[in-house]
Amino acid sequence: MNERIKKIRKEVGLTQQEFAEAIKVKRNTVATYEMGRSIPSDAAISLICREFDVNEEWLRTGEGEMFIEKTKDEQIAEMLADIQLSGEDSFKHRLASALAAFTEDDWNDLERLLNKLSSK
């Protein structure tokens, strides 16, 4: 499991300190996990899986895919939650607000523009 924990951390681009903060443990605890000196508790495993969308079976056994596949609707819901948390002054929030005001004609115009851009 130690190599899989390290792989997750590297895959999500975090330092040991950042990873530790995300799963509410100390940095040296993550280091001991990665060196194989200690095994994470069931609670720590659950936090790793929830925080980073990791397949628990893969984390425990190495079988299956590393990450849980999300549906398009789940991806959109997460993106919208991220936008709402970004604050009204963020570009993400301003863009979503502009899109929310689109009429059906606006959506059709945008689709035509994107089709035109993608055919070049």
PDB file of N, CA and C in Angstrom:
ATOM      1  N   MET A   1       0.832  -1.194   0.000  1.00  0.00           N
ATOM      2  CA  MET A   1       0.000   0.000   0.000  1.00  0.00           C
ATOM      3  C   MET A   1       0.878   1.261   0.000  1.00  0.00           C
ATOM      4  N   ASN A   2       2.077   1.166   0.559  1.00  0.00           N
ATOM      5  CA  ASN A   2       2.918   2.350   0.672  1.00  0.00           C
ATOM      6  C   ASN A   2       3.221   2.981  -0.687  1.00  0.00           C
ATOM      7  N   GLU A   3       3.520   2.149  -1.685  1.00  0.00           N
ATOM      8  CA  GLU A   3       3.810   2.689  -3.027  1.00  0.00           C
ATOM      9  C   GLU A   3       2.571   3.301  -3.652  1.00  0.00           C
ATOM     10  N   ARG A   4       1.412   2.720  -3.371  1.00  0.00           N
ATOM     11  CA  ARG A   4       0.166   3.259  -3.939  1.00  0.00           C
ATOM     12  C   ARG A   4      -0.169   4.622  -3.329  1.00  0.00           C
ATOM     13  N   ILE A   5       0.086   4.790  -2.042  1.00  0.00           N
ATOM     14  CA  ILE A   5      -0.161   6.091  -1.411  1.00  0.00           C
ATOM     15  C   ILE A   5       0.750   7.143  -2.032  1.00  0.00           C
ATOM     16  N   LYS A   6       2.009   6.791  -2.209  1.00  0.00           N
ATOM     17  CA  LYS A   6       2.953   7.728  -2.827  1.00  0.00           C
ATOM     18  C   LYS A   6       2.515   8.059  -4.253  1.00  0.00           C
ATOM     19  N   LYS A   7       2.039   7.050  -4.967  1.00  0.00           N
ATOM     20  CA  LYS A   7       1.593   7.255  -6.346  1.00  0.00           C
ATOM     21  C   LYS A   7       0.405   8.220  -6.399  1.00  0.00           C
ATOM     22  N   ILE A   8      -0.533   8.056  -5.482  1.00  0.00           N
ATOM     23  CA  ILE A   8      -1.690   8.966  -5.420  1.00  0.00           C
ATOM     24  C   ILE A   8      -1.204  10.393  -5.201  1.00  0.00           C
ATOM     25  N   ARG A   9      -0.333  10.551  -4.203  1.00  0.00           N
ATOM     26  CA  ARG A   9       0.153  11.885  -3.861  1.00  0.00           C
ATOM     27  C   ARG A   9       0.844  12.541  -5.047  1.00  0.00           C
ATOM     28  N   LYS A  10       1.681  11.780  -5.719  1.00  0.00           N
ATOM     29  CA  LYS A  10       2.395  12.322  -6.886  1.00  0.00           C
ATOM     30  C   LYS A  10       1.414  12.621  -8.023  1.00  0.00           C
ATOM     31  N   GLU A  11       0.446  11.742  -8.210  1.00  0.00           N
ATOM     32  CA  GLU A  11      -0.536  11.900  -9.298  1.00  0.00           C
ATOM     33  C   GLU A  11      -1.359  13.175  -9.118  1.00  0.00           C
ATOM     34  N   VAL A  12      -1.692  13.512  -7.869  1.00  0.00           N
ATOM     35  CA  VAL A  12      -2.481  14.727  -7.622  1.00  0.00           C
ATOM     36  C   VAL A  12      -1.598  15.955  -7.425  1.00  0.00           C
ATOM     37  N   GLY A  13      -0.288  15.752  -7.480  1.00  0.00           N
ATOM     38  CA  GLY A  13       0.653  16.869  -7.468  1.00  0.00           C
ATOM     39  C   GLY A  13       0.811  17.573  -6.134  1.00  0.00           C
ATOM     40  N   LEU A  14       0.797  16.803  -5.044  1.00  0.00           N
ATOM     41  CA  LEU A  14       0.922  17.412  -3.720  1.00  0.00           C
ATOM     42  C   LEU A  14       2.222  17.008  -3.035  1.00  0.00           C
ATOM     43  N   THR A  15       2.708  17.893  -2.186  1.00  0.00           N
ATOM     44  CA  THR A  15       3.827  17.550  -1.313  1.00  0.00           C
ATOM     45  C   THR A  15       3.291  16.653  -0.199  1.00  0.00           C
ATOM     46  N   GLN A  16       4.198  16.055   0.553  1.00  0.00           N
ATOM     47  CA  GLN A  16       3.747  15.262   1.701  1.00  0.00           C
ATOM     48  C   GLN A  16       2.972  16.137   2.681  1.00  0.00           C
ATOM     49  N   GLN A  17       3.415  17.377   2.867  1.00  0.00           N
ATOM     50  CA  GLN A  17       2.728  18.280   3.794  1.00  0.00           C
ATOM     51  C   GLN A  17       1.304  18.581   3.324  1.00  0.00           C
ATOM     52  N   GLU A  18       1.159  18.892   2.044  1.00  0.00           N
ATOM     53  CA  GLU A  18      -0.170  19.200   1.496  1.00  0.00           C
ATOM     54  C   GLU A  18      -1.087  17.983   1.559  1.00  0.00           C
ATOM     55  N   PHE A  19      -0.533  16.821   1.237  1.00  0.00           N
ATOM     56  CA  PHE A  19      -1.309  15.577   1.296  1.00  0.00           C
ATOM     57  C   PHE A  19      -1.743  15.314   2.732  1.00  0.00           C
ATOM     58  N   ALA A  20      -0.821  15.495   3.674  1.00  0.00           N
ATOM     59  CA  ALA A  20      -1.120  15.285   5.092  1.00  0.00           C
ATOM     60  C   ALA A  20      -2.254  16.197   5.551  1.00  0.00           C
ATOM     61  N   GLU A  21      -2.192  17.463   5.169  1.00  0.00           N
ATOM     62  CA  GLU A  21      -3.239  18.404   5.551  1.00  0.00           C
ATOM     63  C   GLU A  21      -4.594  17.978   4.998  1.00  0.00           C
ATOM     64  N   ALA A  22      -4.596  17.459   3.771  1.00  0.00           N
ATOM     65  CA  ALA A  22      -5.861  17.048   3.142  1.00  0.00           C
ATOM     66  C   ALA A  22      -6.497  15.867   3.869  1.00  0.00           C
ATOM     67  N   ILE A  23      -5.661  14.980   4.443  1.00  0.00           N
ATOM     68  CA  ILE A  23      -6.224  13.810   5.119  1.00  0.00           C
ATOM     69  C   ILE A  23      -6.119  13.926   6.646  1.00  0.00           C
ATOM     70  N   LYS A  24      -5.762  15.139   7.115  1.00  0.00           N
ATOM     71  CA  LYS A  24      -5.781  15.473   8.544  1.00  0.00           C
ATOM     72  C   LYS A  24      -4.836  14.612   9.383  1.00  0.00           C
ATOM     73  N   VAL A  25      -3.617  14.447   8.856  1.00  0.00           N
ATOM     74  CA  VAL A  25      -2.553  13.796   9.616  1.00  0.00           C
ATOM     75  C   VAL A  25      -1.302  14.672   9.524  1.00  0.00           C
ATOM     76  N   LYS A  26      -0.242  14.289  10.238  1.00  0.00           N
ATOM     77  CA  LYS A  26       1.010  15.042  10.168  1.00  0.00           C
ATOM     78  C   LYS A  26       1.840  14.585   8.980  1.00  0.00           C
ATOM     79  N   ARG A  27       2.737  15.471   8.518  1.00  0.00           N
ATOM     80  CA  ARG A  27       3.576  15.154   7.362  1.00  0.00           C
ATOM     81  C   ARG A  27       4.396  13.898   7.604  1.00  0.00           C
ATOM     82  N   ASN A  28       4.943  13.752   8.805  1.00  0.00           N
ATOM     83  CA  ASN A  28       5.764  12.566   9.059  1.00  0.00           C
ATOM     84  C   ASN A  28       4.934  11.282   9.041  1.00  0.00           C
ATOM     85  N   THR A  29       3.634  11.383   9.295  1.00  0.00           N
ATOM     86  CA  THR A  29       2.755  10.216   9.195  1.00  0.00           C
ATOM     87  C   THR A  29       2.659   9.770   7.740  1.00  0.00           C
ATOM     88  N   VAL A  30       2.512  10.731   6.833  1.00  0.00           N
ATOM     89  CA  VAL A  30       2.481  10.403   5.405  1.00  0.00           C
ATOM     90  C   VAL A  30       3.804   9.762   4.999  1.00  0.00           C
ATOM     91  N   ALA A  31       4.903  10.303   5.499  1.00  0.00           N
ATOM     92  CA  ALA A  31       6.225   9.740   5.188  1.00  0.00           C
ATOM     93  C   ALA A  31       6.311   8.288   5.655  1.00  0.00           C
ATOM     94  N   THR A  32       5.798   7.999   6.848  1.00  0.00           N
ATOM     95  CA  THR A  32       5.857   6.608   7.325  1.00  0.00           C
ATOM     96  C   THR A  32       4.958   5.691   6.502  1.00  0.00           C
ATOM     97  N   TYR A  33       3.814   6.217   6.031  1.00  0.00           N
ATOM     98  CA  TYR A  33       2.965   5.430   5.130  1.00  0.00           C
ATOM     99  C   TYR A  33       3.745   5.090   3.861  1.00  0.00           C
ATOM    100  N   GLU A  34       4.370   6.108   3.277  1.00  0.00           N
ATOM    101  CA  GLU A  34       5.059   5.929   1.997  1.00  0.00           C
ATOM    102  C   GLU A  34       6.290   5.032   2.123  1.00  0.00           C
ATOM    103  N   MET A  35       6.919   5.006   3.284  1.00  0.00           N
ATOM    104  CA  MET A  35       8.083   4.138   3.486  1.00  0.00           C
ATOM    105  C   MET A  35       7.676   2.730   3.902  1.00  0.00           C
ATOM    106  N   GLY A  36       6.385   2.535   4.193  1.00  0.00           N
ATOM    107  CA  GLY A  36       5.910   1.223   4.610  1.00  0.00           C
ATOM    108  C   GLY A  36       6.158   0.935   6.077  1.00  0.00           C
ATOM    109  N   ARG A  37       6.490   1.951   6.845  1.00  0.00           N
ATOM    110  CA  ARG A  37       6.739   1.767   8.280  1.00  0.00           C
ATOM    111  C   ARG A  37       5.455   1.708   9.097  1.00  0.00           C
ATOM    112  N   SER A  38       4.387   2.267   8.545  1.00  0.00           N
ATOM    113  CA  SER A  38       3.088   2.164   9.212  1.00  0.00           C
ATOM    114  C   SER A  38       2.002   2.044   8.152  1.00  0.00           C
ATOM    115  N   ILE A  39       0.904   1.476   8.579  1.00  0.00           N
ATOM    116  CA  ILE A  39      -0.242   1.280   7.689  1.00  0.00           C
ATOM    117  C   ILE A  39      -1.329   2.249   8.127  1.00  0.00           C
ATOM    118  N   PRO A  40      -1.929   2.967   7.181  1.00  0.00           N
ATOM    119  CA  PRO A  40      -2.980   3.916   7.575  1.00  0.00           C
ATOM    120  C   PRO A  40      -4.181   3.201   8.194  1.00  0.00           C
ATOM    121  N   SER A  41      -4.805   3.881   9.121  1.00  0.00           N
ATOM    122  CA  SER A  41      -6.031   3.358   9.736  1.00  0.00           C
ATOM    123  C   SER A  41      -7.134   3.320   8.686  1.00  0.00           C
ATOM    124  N   ASP A  42      -8.204   2.614   9.018  1.00  0.00           N
ATOM    125  CA  ASP A  42      -9.354   2.582   8.110  1.00  0.00           C
ATOM    126  C   ASP A  42      -9.904   3.986   7.888  1.00  0.00           C
ATOM    127  N   ALA A  43      -9.865   4.820   8.938  1.00  0.00           N
ATOM    128  CA  ALA A  43     -10.352   6.196   8.805  1.00  0.00           C
ATOM    129  C   ALA A  43      -9.475   6.985   7.838  1.00  0.00           C
ATOM    130  N   ALA A  44      -8.150   6.801   7.918  1.00  0.00           N
ATOM    131  CA  ALA A  44      -7.240   7.510   7.008  1.00  0.00           C
ATOM    132  C   ALA A  44      -7.441   7.022   5.578  1.00  0.00           C
ATOM    133  N   ILE A  45      -7.629   5.732   5.409  1.00  0.00           N
ATOM    134  CA  ILE A  45      -7.881   5.185   4.070  1.00  0.00           C
ATOM    135  C   ILE A  45      -9.165   5.767   3.505  1.00  0.00           C
ATOM    136  N   SER A  46     -10.182   5.845   4.335  1.00  0.00           N
ATOM    137  CA  SER A  46     -11.461   6.412   3.903  1.00  0.00           C
ATOM    138  C   SER A  46     -11.303   7.874   3.483  1.00  0.00           C
ATOM    139  N   LEU A  47     -10.527   8.638   4.242  1.00  0.00           N
ATOM    140  CA  LEU A  47     -10.292  10.044   3.907  1.00  0.00           C
ATOM    141  C   LEU A  47      -9.520  10.185   2.600  1.00  0.00           C
ATOM    142  N   ILE A  48      -8.511   9.352   2.398  1.00  0.00           N
ATOM    143  CA  ILE A  48      -7.738   9.386   1.154  1.00  0.00           C
ATOM    144  C   ILE A  48      -8.675   9.134  -0.026  1.00  0.00           C
ATOM    145  N   CYS A  49      -9.499   8.106   0.112  1.00  0.00           N
ATOM    146  CA  CYS A  49     -10.409   7.747  -0.988  1.00  0.00           C
ATOM    147  C   CYS A  49     -11.418   8.843  -1.262  1.00  0.00           C
ATOM    148  N   ARG A  50     -11.978   9.412  -0.211  1.00  0.00           N
ATOM    149  CA  ARG A  50     -12.989  10.459  -0.382  1.00  0.00           C
ATOM    150  C   ARG A  50     -12.367  11.748  -0.912  1.00  0.00           C
ATOM    151  N   GLU A  51     -11.244  12.142  -0.361  1.00  0.00           N
ATOM    152  CA  GLU A  51     -10.614  13.412  -0.726  1.00  0.00           C
ATOM    153  C   GLU A  51     -10.089  13.421  -2.157  1.00  0.00           C
ATOM    154  N   PHE A  52      -9.574  12.270  -2.619  1.00  0.00           N
ATOM    155  CA  PHE A  52      -8.923  12.226  -3.927  1.00  0.00           C
ATOM    156  C   PHE A  52      -9.639  11.334  -4.931  1.00  0.00           C
ATOM    157  N   ASP A  53     -10.870  10.916  -4.623  1.00  0.00           N
ATOM    158  CA  ASP A  53     -11.668  10.058  -5.522  1.00  0.00           C
ATOM    159  C   ASP A  53     -10.917   8.791  -5.901  1.00  0.00           C
ATOM    160  N   VAL A  54     -10.301   8.175  -4.907  1.00  0.00           N
ATOM    161  CA  VAL A  54      -9.523   6.954  -5.123  1.00  0.00           C
ATOM    162  C   VAL A  54     -10.409   5.738  -4.882  1.00  0.00           C
ATOM    163  N   ASN A  55     -10.223   4.748  -5.712  1.00  0.00           N
ATOM    164  CA  ASN A  55     -10.908   3.471  -5.580  1.00  0.00           C
ATOM    165  C   ASN A  55     -10.303   2.734  -4.380  1.00  0.00           C
ATOM    166  N   GLU A  56     -11.102   2.470  -3.356  1.00  0.00           N
ATOM    167  CA  GLU A  56     -10.584   1.847  -2.136  1.00  0.00           C
ATOM    168  C   GLU A  56      -9.996   0.468  -2.393  1.00  0.00           C
ATOM    169  N   GLU A  57     -10.603  -0.298  -3.271  1.00  0.00           N
ATOM    170  CA  GLU A  57     -10.059  -1.627  -3.585  1.00  0.00           C
ATOM    171  C   GLU A  57      -8.649  -1.499  -4.165  1.00  0.00           C
ATOM    172  N   TRP A  58      -8.463  -0.524  -5.052  1.00  0.00           N
ATOM    173  CA  TRP A  58      -7.126  -0.317  -5.628  1.00  0.00           C
ATOM    174  C   TRP A  58      -6.139   0.069  -4.537  1.00  0.00           C
ATOM    175  N   LEU A  59      -6.545   0.974  -3.652  1.00  0.00           N
ATOM    176  CA  LEU A  59      -5.638   1.424  -2.598  1.00  0.00           C
ATOM    177  C   LEU A  59      -5.236   0.261  -1.689  1.00  0.00           C
ATOM    178  N   ARG A  60      -6.192  -0.567  -1.335  1.00  0.00           N
ATOM    179  CA  ARG A  60      -5.902  -1.674  -0.415  1.00  0.00           C
ATOM    180  C   ARG A  60      -5.170  -2.836  -1.096  1.00  0.00           C
ATOM    181  N   THR A  61      -5.538  -3.144  -2.349  1.00  0.00           N
ATOM    182  CA  THR A  61      -5.024  -4.375  -2.972  1.00  0.00           C
ATOM    183  C   THR A  61      -4.220  -4.159  -4.249  1.00  0.00           C
ATOM    184  N   GLY A  62      -4.375  -2.996  -4.854  1.00  0.00           N
ATOM    185  CA  GLY A  62      -3.730  -2.757  -6.142  1.00  0.00           C
ATOM    186  C   GLY A  62      -4.563  -3.215  -7.323  1.00  0.00           C
ATOM    187  N   GLU A  63      -5.748  -3.748  -7.059  1.00  0.00           N
ATOM    188  CA  GLU A  63      -6.619  -4.244  -8.134  1.00  0.00           C
ATOM    189  C   GLU A  63      -7.629  -3.181  -8.532  1.00  0.00           C
ATOM    190  N   GLY A  64      -7.894  -3.122  -9.839  1.00  0.00           N
ATOM    191  CA  GLY A  64      -8.850  -2.148 -10.360  1.00  0.00           C
ATOM    192  C   GLY A  64      -8.157  -0.857 -10.758  1.00  0.00           C
ATOM    193  N   GLU A  65      -8.953   0.150 -11.006  1.00  0.00           N
ATOM    194  CA  GLU A  65      -8.446   1.460 -11.412  1.00  0.00           C
ATOM    195  C   GLU A  65      -8.108   2.299 -10.186  1.00  0.00           C
ATOM    196  N   MET A  66      -7.118   3.168 -10.328  1.00  0.00           N
ATOM    197  CA  MET A  66      -6.707   4.010  -9.211  1.00  0.00           C
ATOM    198  C   MET A  66      -7.822   4.980  -8.812  1.00  0.00           C
ATOM    199  N   PHE A  67      -8.390   5.652  -9.778  1.00  0.00           N
ATOM    200  CA  PHE A  67      -9.387   6.667  -9.483  1.00  0.00           C
ATOM    201  C   PHE A  67     -10.780   6.185  -9.856  1.00  0.00           C
ATOM    202  N   ILE A  68     -11.763   6.696  -9.135  1.00  0.00           N
ATOM    203  CA  ILE A  68     -13.162   6.383  -9.404  1.00  0.00           C
ATOM    204  C   ILE A  68     -13.608   7.227 -10.588  1.00  0.00           C
ATOM    205  N   GLU A  69     -14.194   6.585 -11.575  1.00  0.00           N
ATOM    206  CA  GLU A  69     -14.710   7.302 -12.736  1.00  0.00           C
ATOM    207  C   GLU A  69     -15.971   8.066 -12.337  1.00  0.00           C
ATOM    208  N   LYS A  70     -16.019   9.327 -12.711  1.00  0.00           N
ATOM    209  CA  LYS A  70     -17.181  10.144 -12.403  1.00  0.00           C
ATOM    210  C   LYS A  70     -18.023  10.319 -13.660  1.00  0.00           C
ATOM    211  N   THR A  71     -19.330  10.408 -13.445  1.00  0.00           N
ATOM    212  CA  THR A  71     -20.218  10.675 -14.567  1.00  0.00           C
ATOM    213  C   THR A  71     -20.058  12.140 -14.964  1.00  0.00           C
ATOM    214  N   LYS A  72     -20.515  12.480 -16.138  1.00  0.00           N
ATOM    215  CA  LYS A  72     -20.480  13.880 -16.584  1.00  0.00           C
ATOM    216  C   LYS A  72     -21.263  14.765 -15.617  1.00  0.00           C
ATOM    217  N   ASP A  73     -22.411  14.266 -15.145  1.00  0.00           N
ATOM    218  CA  ASP A  73     -23.217  15.043 -14.208  1.00  0.00           C
ATOM    219  C   ASP A  73     -22.459  15.292 -12.902  1.00  0.00           C
ATOM    220  N   GLU A  74     -21.726  14.292 -12.410  1.00  0.00           N
ATOM    221  CA  GLU A  74     -20.927  14.476 -11.196  1.00  0.00           C
ATOM    222  C   GLU A  74     -19.813  15.492 -11.425  1.00  0.00           C
ATOM    223  N   GLN A  75     -19.188  15.429 -12.585  1.00  0.00           N
ATOM    224  CA  GLN A  75     -18.129  16.388 -12.916  1.00  0.00           C
ATOM    225  C   GLN A  75     -18.691  17.809 -12.971  1.00  0.00           C
ATOM    226  N   ILE A  76     -19.857  17.962 -13.583  1.00  0.00           N
ATOM    227  CA  ILE A  76     -20.489  19.285 -13.679  1.00  0.00           C
ATOM    228  C   ILE A  76     -20.864  19.790 -12.289  1.00  0.00           C
ATOM    229  N   ALA A  77     -21.427  18.918 -11.450  1.00  0.00           N
ATOM    230  CA  ALA A  77     -21.815  19.321 -10.100  1.00  0.00           C
ATOM    231  C   ALA A  77     -20.595  19.787  -9.299  1.00  0.00           C
ATOM    232  N   GLU A  78     -19.479  19.081  -9.426  1.00  0.00           N
ATOM    233  CA  GLU A  78     -18.256  19.487  -8.725  1.00  0.00           C
ATOM    234  C   GLU A  78     -17.736  20.817  -9.251  1.00  0.00           C
ATOM    235  N   MET A  79     -17.796  20.995 -10.561  1.00  0.00           N
ATOM    236  CA  MET A  79     -17.342  22.250 -11.150  1.00  0.00           C
ATOM    237  C   MET A  79     -18.199  23.407 -10.641  1.00  0.00           C
ATOM    238  N   LEU A  80     -19.514  23.229 -10.602  1.00  0.00           N
ATOM    239  CA  LEU A  80     -20.405  24.293 -10.140  1.00  0.00           C
ATOM    240  C   LEU A  80     -20.166  24.615  -8.668  1.00  0.00           C
ATOM    241  N   ALA A  81     -19.922  23.591  -7.858  1.00  0.00           N
ATOM    242  CA  ALA A  81     -19.614  23.824  -6.444  1.00  0.00           C
ATOM    243  C   ALA A  81     -18.318  24.618  -6.318  1.00  0.00           C
ATOM    244  N   ASP A  82     -17.329  24.269  -7.128  1.00  0.00           N
ATOM    245  CA  ASP A  82     -16.053  24.985  -7.124  1.00  0.00           C
ATOM    246  C   ASP A  82     -16.255  26.443  -7.532  1.00  0.00           C
ATOM    247  N   ILE A  83     -17.086  26.662  -8.529  1.00  0.00           N
ATOM    248  CA  ILE A  83     -17.368  28.033  -8.981  1.00  0.00           C
ATOM    249  C   ILE A  83     -18.029  28.835  -7.865  1.00  0.00           C
ATOM    250  N   GLN A  84     -19.000  28.246  -7.186  1.00  0.00           N
ATOM    251  CA  GLN A  84     -19.685  28.965  -6.114  1.00  0.00           C
ATOM    252  C   GLN A  84     -18.734  29.307  -4.974  1.00  0.00           C
ATOM    253  N   LEU A  85     -17.784  28.412  -4.707  1.00  0.00           N
ATOM    254  CA  LEU A  85     -16.824  28.663  -3.631  1.00  0.00           C
ATOM    255  C   LEU A  85     -15.739  29.654  -4.025  1.00  0.00           C
ATOM    256  N   SER A  86     -15.598  29.910  -5.328  1.00  0.00           N
ATOM    257  CA  SER A  86     -14.509  30.768  -5.803  1.00  0.00           C
ATOM    258  C   SER A  86     -14.738  32.243  -5.513  1.00  0.00           C
ATOM    259  N   GLY A  87     -15.947  32.619  -5.204  1.00  0.00           N
ATOM    260  CA  GLY A  87     -16.242  34.021  -4.887  1.00  0.00           C
ATOM    261  C   GLY A  87     -16.732  34.789  -6.100  1.00  0.00           C
ATOM    262  N   GLU A  88     -17.568  35.776  -5.848  1.00  0.00           N
ATOM    263  CA  GLU A  88     -18.217  36.521  -6.927  1.00  0.00           C
ATOM    264  C   GLU A  88     -17.243  37.296  -7.805  1.00  0.00           C
ATOM    265  N   ASP A  89     -16.076  37.621  -7.304  1.00  0.00           N
ATOM    266  CA  ASP A  89     -15.109  38.397  -8.081  1.00  0.00           C
ATOM    267  C   ASP A  89     -14.219  37.523  -8.968  1.00  0.00           C
ATOM    268  N   SER A  90     -14.296  36.205  -8.809  1.00  0.00           N
ATOM    269  CA  SER A  90     -13.428  35.333  -9.608  1.00  0.00           C
ATOM    270  C   SER A  90     -13.922  35.258 -11.052  1.00  0.00           C
ATOM    271  N   PHE A  91     -12.993  35.003 -11.955  1.00  0.00           N
ATOM    272  CA  PHE A  91     -13.363  34.862 -13.361  1.00  0.00           C
ATOM    273  C   PHE A  91     -14.360  33.727 -13.539  1.00  0.00           C
ATOM    274  N   LYS A  92     -14.134  32.622 -12.852  1.00  0.00           N
ATOM    275  CA  LYS A  92     -15.037  31.467 -12.972  1.00  0.00           C
ATOM    276  C   LYS A  92     -16.472  31.876 -12.644  1.00  0.00           C
ATOM    277  N   HIS A  93     -16.629  32.605 -11.561  1.00  0.00           N
ATOM    278  CA  HIS A  93     -17.964  33.007 -11.115  1.00  0.00           C
ATOM    279  C   HIS A  93     -18.601  33.976 -12.106  1.00  0.00           C
ATOM    280  N   ARG A  94     -17.811  34.926 -12.582  1.00  0.00           N
ATOM    281  CA  ARG A  94     -18.343  35.901 -13.547  1.00  0.00           C
ATOM    282  C   ARG A  94     -18.757  35.204 -14.851  1.00  0.00           C
ATOM    283  N   LEU A  95     -17.940  34.237 -15.301  1.00  0.00           N
ATOM    284  CA  LEU A  95     -18.284  33.502 -16.522  1.00  0.00           C
ATOM    285  C   LEU A  95     -19.567  32.697 -16.331  1.00  0.00           C
ATOM    286  N   ALA A  96     -19.690  32.001 -15.211  1.00  0.00           N
ATOM    287  CA  ALA A  96     -20.902  31.213 -14.947  1.00  0.00           C
ATOM    288  C   ALA A  96     -22.124  32.119 -14.867  1.00  0.00           C
ATOM    289  N   SER A  97     -21.961  33.298 -14.271  1.00  0.00           N
ATOM    290  CA  SER A  97     -23.083  34.246 -14.197  1.00  0.00           C
ATOM    291  C   SER A  97     -23.515  34.696 -15.586  1.00  0.00           C
ATOM    292  N   ALA A  98     -22.546  34.954 -16.447  1.00  0.00           N
ATOM    293  CA  ALA A  98     -22.864  35.362 -17.820  1.00  0.00           C
ATOM    294  C   ALA A  98     -23.578  34.229 -18.555  1.00  0.00           C
ATOM    295  N   LEU A  99     -23.103  33.015 -18.388  1.00  0.00           N
ATOM    296  CA  LEU A  99     -23.743  31.873 -19.051  1.00  0.00           C
ATOM    297  C   LEU A  99     -25.155  31.646 -18.518  1.00  0.00           C
ATOM    298  N   ALA A 100     -25.346  31.900 -17.237  1.00  0.00           N
ATOM    299  CA  ALA A 100     -26.671  31.709 -16.641  1.00  0.00           C
ATOM    300  C   ALA A 100     -27.705  32.649 -17.245  1.00  0.00           C
ATOM    301  N   ALA A 101     -27.248  33.768 -17.778  1.00  0.00           N
ATOM    302  CA  ALA A 101     -28.170  34.751 -18.368  1.00  0.00           C
ATOM    303  C   ALA A 101     -28.444  34.475 -19.846  1.00  0.00           C
ATOM    304  N   PHE A 102     -27.819  33.448 -20.420  1.00  0.00           N
ATOM    305  CA  PHE A 102     -28.005  33.138 -21.845  1.00  0.00           C
ATOM    306  C   PHE A 102     -29.446  32.779 -22.167  1.00  0.00           C
ATOM    307  N   THR A 103     -29.888  33.266 -23.305  1.00  0.00           N
ATOM    308  CA  THR A 103     -31.171  32.834 -23.878  1.00  0.00           C
ATOM    309  C   THR A 103     -30.898  31.627 -24.769  1.00  0.00           C
ATOM    310  N   GLU A 104     -31.946  31.025 -25.251  1.00  0.00           N
ATOM    311  CA  GLU A 104     -31.763  29.881 -26.167  1.00  0.00           C
ATOM    312  C   GLU A 104     -31.009  30.319 -27.422  1.00  0.00           C
ATOM    313  N   ASP A 105     -31.310  31.508 -27.914  1.00  0.00           N
ATOM    314  CA  ASP A 105     -30.590  32.035 -29.078  1.00  0.00           C
ATOM    315  C   ASP A 105     -29.100  32.210 -28.781  1.00  0.00           C
ATOM    316  N   ASP A 106     -28.785  32.687 -27.584  1.00  0.00           N
ATOM    317  CA  ASP A 106     -27.378  32.847 -27.195  1.00  0.00           C
ATOM    318  C   ASP A 106     -26.656  31.494 -27.215  1.00  0.00           C
ATOM    319  N   TRP A 107     -27.309  30.469 -26.681  1.00  0.00           N
ATOM    320  CA  TRP A 107     -26.710  29.121 -26.675  1.00  0.00           C
ATOM    321  C   TRP A 107     -26.490  28.627 -28.098  1.00  0.00           C
ATOM    322  N   ASN A 108     -27.452  28.878 -28.964  1.00  0.00           N
ATOM    323  CA  ASN A 108     -27.311  28.461 -30.362  1.00  0.00           C
ATOM    324  C   ASN A 108     -26.152  29.200 -31.036  1.00  0.00           C
ATOM    325  N   ASP A 109     -26.025  30.501 -30.755  1.00  0.00           N
ATOM    326  CA  ASP A 109     -24.920  31.279 -31.312  1.00  0.00           C
ATOM    327  C   ASP A 109     -23.569  30.750 -30.816  1.00  0.00           C
ATOM    328  N   LEU A 110     -23.510  30.454 -29.537  1.00  0.00           N
ATOM    329  CA  LEU A 110     -22.261  29.929 -28.968  1.00  0.00           C
ATOM    330  C   LEU A 110     -21.909  28.574 -29.586  1.00  0.00           C
ATOM    331  N   GLU A 111     -22.895  27.740 -29.763  1.00  0.00           N
ATOM    332  CA  GLU A 111     -22.643  26.426 -30.375  1.00  0.00           C
ATOM    333  C   GLU A 111     -22.122  26.591 -31.808  1.00  0.00           C
ATOM    334  N   ARG A 112     -22.726  27.508 -32.571  1.00  0.00           N
ATOM    335  CA  ARG A 112     -22.255  27.759 -33.938  1.00  0.00           C
ATOM    336  C   ARG A 112     -20.810  28.263 -33.926  1.00  0.00           C
ATOM    337  N   LEU A 113     -20.498  29.158 -33.013  1.00  0.00           N
ATOM    338  CA  LEU A 113     -19.127  29.679 -32.909  1.00  0.00           C
ATOM    339  C   LEU A 113     -18.135  28.565 -32.568  1.00  0.00           C
ATOM    340  N   LEU A 114     -18.478  27.729 -31.608  1.00  0.00           N
ATOM    341  CA  LEU A 114     -17.588  26.639 -31.239  1.00  0.00           C
ATOM    342  C   LEU A 114     -17.410  25.646 -32.377  1.00  0.00           C
ATOM    343  N   ASN A 115     -18.488  25.354 -33.083  1.00  0.00           N
ATOM    344  CA  ASN A 115     -18.390  24.451 -34.256  1.00  0.00           C
ATOM    345  C   ASN A 115     -17.475  25.056 -35.312  1.00  0.00           C
ATOM    346  N   LYS A 116     -17.605  26.358 -35.528  1.00  0.00           N
ATOM    347  CA  LYS A 116     -16.776  27.040 -36.510  1.00  0.00           C
ATOM    348  C   LYS A 116     -15.308  27.002 -36.099  1.00  0.00           C
ATOM    349  N   LEU A 117     -15.033  27.255 -34.832  1.00  0.00           N
ATOM    350  CA  LEU A 117     -13.656  27.252 -34.332  1.00  0.00           C
ATOM    351  C   LEU A 117     -13.038  25.851 -34.382  1.00  0.00           C
ATOM    352  N   SER A 118     -13.854  24.833 -34.112  1.00  0.00           N
ATOM    353  CA  SER A 118     -13.307  23.474 -34.093  1.00  0.00           C
ATOM    354  C   SER A 118     -13.094  22.889 -35.481  1.00  0.00           C
ATOM    355  N   SER A 119     -13.689  23.508 -36.493  1.00  0.00           N
ATOM    356  CA  SER A 119     -13.519  22.995 -37.865  1.00  0.00           C
ATOM    357  C   SER A 119     -12.297  23.598 -38.552  1.00  0.00           C
ATOM    358  N   LYS A 120     -11.626  24.537 -37.892  1.00  0.00           N
ATOM    359  CA  LYS A 120     -10.446  25.181 -38.489  1.00  0.00           C
ATOM    360  C   LYS A 120      -9.214  24.361 -38.288  1.00  0.00           C
TER     361      LYS A 120
END
